[in-house]
């Protein structure tokens, strides 16, 4: 789990890439969970929250860029 302070230092492009990686990770977790292979089911919840944090910061940064233009 990445801390919000560390996420704020990333650029929009880096945050988009991180969101893509987390989405892929969520897919794997859901597949494993459906097959009964996921040992730590809390990982799904943590990944969803991490994705929400990243997407929130992407939105904030894009709004800041739009206001500056």
Protein backbone atom coordinates (compact mmCIF):
# COMPACT_ATOMS: atom_id res chain seq x y z
CA UNK A 1 0.00 0.00 0.00
CA UNK A 2 1.37 3.35 -1.02
CA UNK A 3 0.91 6.30 1.29
CA UNK A 4 -1.03 9.31 -0.04
CA UNK A 5 2.00 11.57 0.50
CA UNK A 6 4.06 9.37 -1.81
CA UNK A 7 1.25 9.27 -4.39
CA UNK A 8 0.99 13.07 -4.47
CA UNK A 9 4.61 13.27 -5.66
CA UNK A 10 3.80 11.27 -8.82
CA UNK A 11 2.79 12.79 -12.15
CA UNK A 12 -0.58 12.17 -13.80
CA UNK A 13 1.05 9.74 -16.24
CA UNK A 14 2.67 7.78 -13.41
CA UNK A 15 -0.63 7.68 -11.51
CA UNK A 16 -2.43 6.41 -14.61
CA UNK A 17 0.15 3.65 -14.94
CA UNK A 18 -0.24 2.76 -11.25
CA UNK A 19 -4.03 2.60 -11.69
CA UNK A 20 -3.58 0.24 -14.65
CA UNK A 21 -1.36 -2.04 -12.56
CA UNK A 22 -3.83 -2.05 -9.65
CA UNK A 23 -6.73 -2.85 -11.98
CA UNK A 24 -4.79 -5.83 -13.32
CA UNK A 25 -4.01 -6.91 -9.76
CA UNK A 26 -7.70 -6.65 -8.83
CA UNK A 27 -8.61 -8.86 -11.77
CA UNK A 28 -6.15 -11.51 -10.59
CA UNK A 29 -7.43 -11.28 -7.02
CA UNK A 30 -11.07 -11.64 -8.10
CA UNK A 31 -10.21 -14.62 -10.29
CA UNK A 32 -8.33 -16.30 -7.45
CA UNK A 33 -11.13 -15.52 -5.01
CA UNK A 34 -13.75 -17.05 -7.31
CA UNK A 35 -11.61 -20.18 -7.64
CA UNK A 36 -11.06 -20.40 -3.89
CA UNK A 37 -7.31 -19.86 -4.22
CA UNK A 38 -7.02 -16.45 -2.56
CA UNK A 39 -5.62 -16.91 0.94
CA UNK A 40 -5.92 -13.29 2.09
CA UNK A 41 -9.30 -12.02 0.98
CA UNK A 42 -8.60 -8.61 2.50
CA UNK A 43 -6.23 -7.96 -0.43
CA UNK A 44 -9.24 -7.31 -2.66
CA UNK A 45 -10.50 -4.57 -0.35
CA UNK A 46 -7.04 -3.04 -0.01
CA UNK A 47 -6.52 -2.98 -3.77
CA UNK A 48 -9.92 -1.33 -4.34
CA UNK A 49 -9.10 1.37 -1.83
CA UNK A 50 -5.65 1.92 -3.32
CA UNK A 51 -7.24 2.30 -6.76
CA UNK A 52 -9.72 4.82 -5.35
CA UNK A 53 -6.86 6.84 -3.84
CA UNK A 54 -4.97 6.89 -7.12
CA UNK A 55 -8.02 7.85 -9.18
CA UNK A 56 -8.91 10.61 -6.72
CA UNK A 57 -5.44 12.10 -7.07
CA UNK A 58 -5.60 11.83 -10.87
CA UNK A 59 -8.83 13.83 -10.80
CA UNK A 60 -7.36 16.44 -8.46
CA UNK A 61 -4.25 16.89 -10.59
CA UNK A 62 -6.27 17.17 -13.81
CA UNK A 63 -8.53 19.81 -12.24
CA UNK A 64 -5.47 21.76 -11.07
CA UNK A 65 -4.01 21.66 -14.60
CA UNK A 66 -7.32 22.81 -16.07
CA UNK A 67 -7.50 25.76 -13.66
CA UNK A 68 -3.98 26.84 -14.52
CA UNK A 69 -4.73 26.86 -18.26
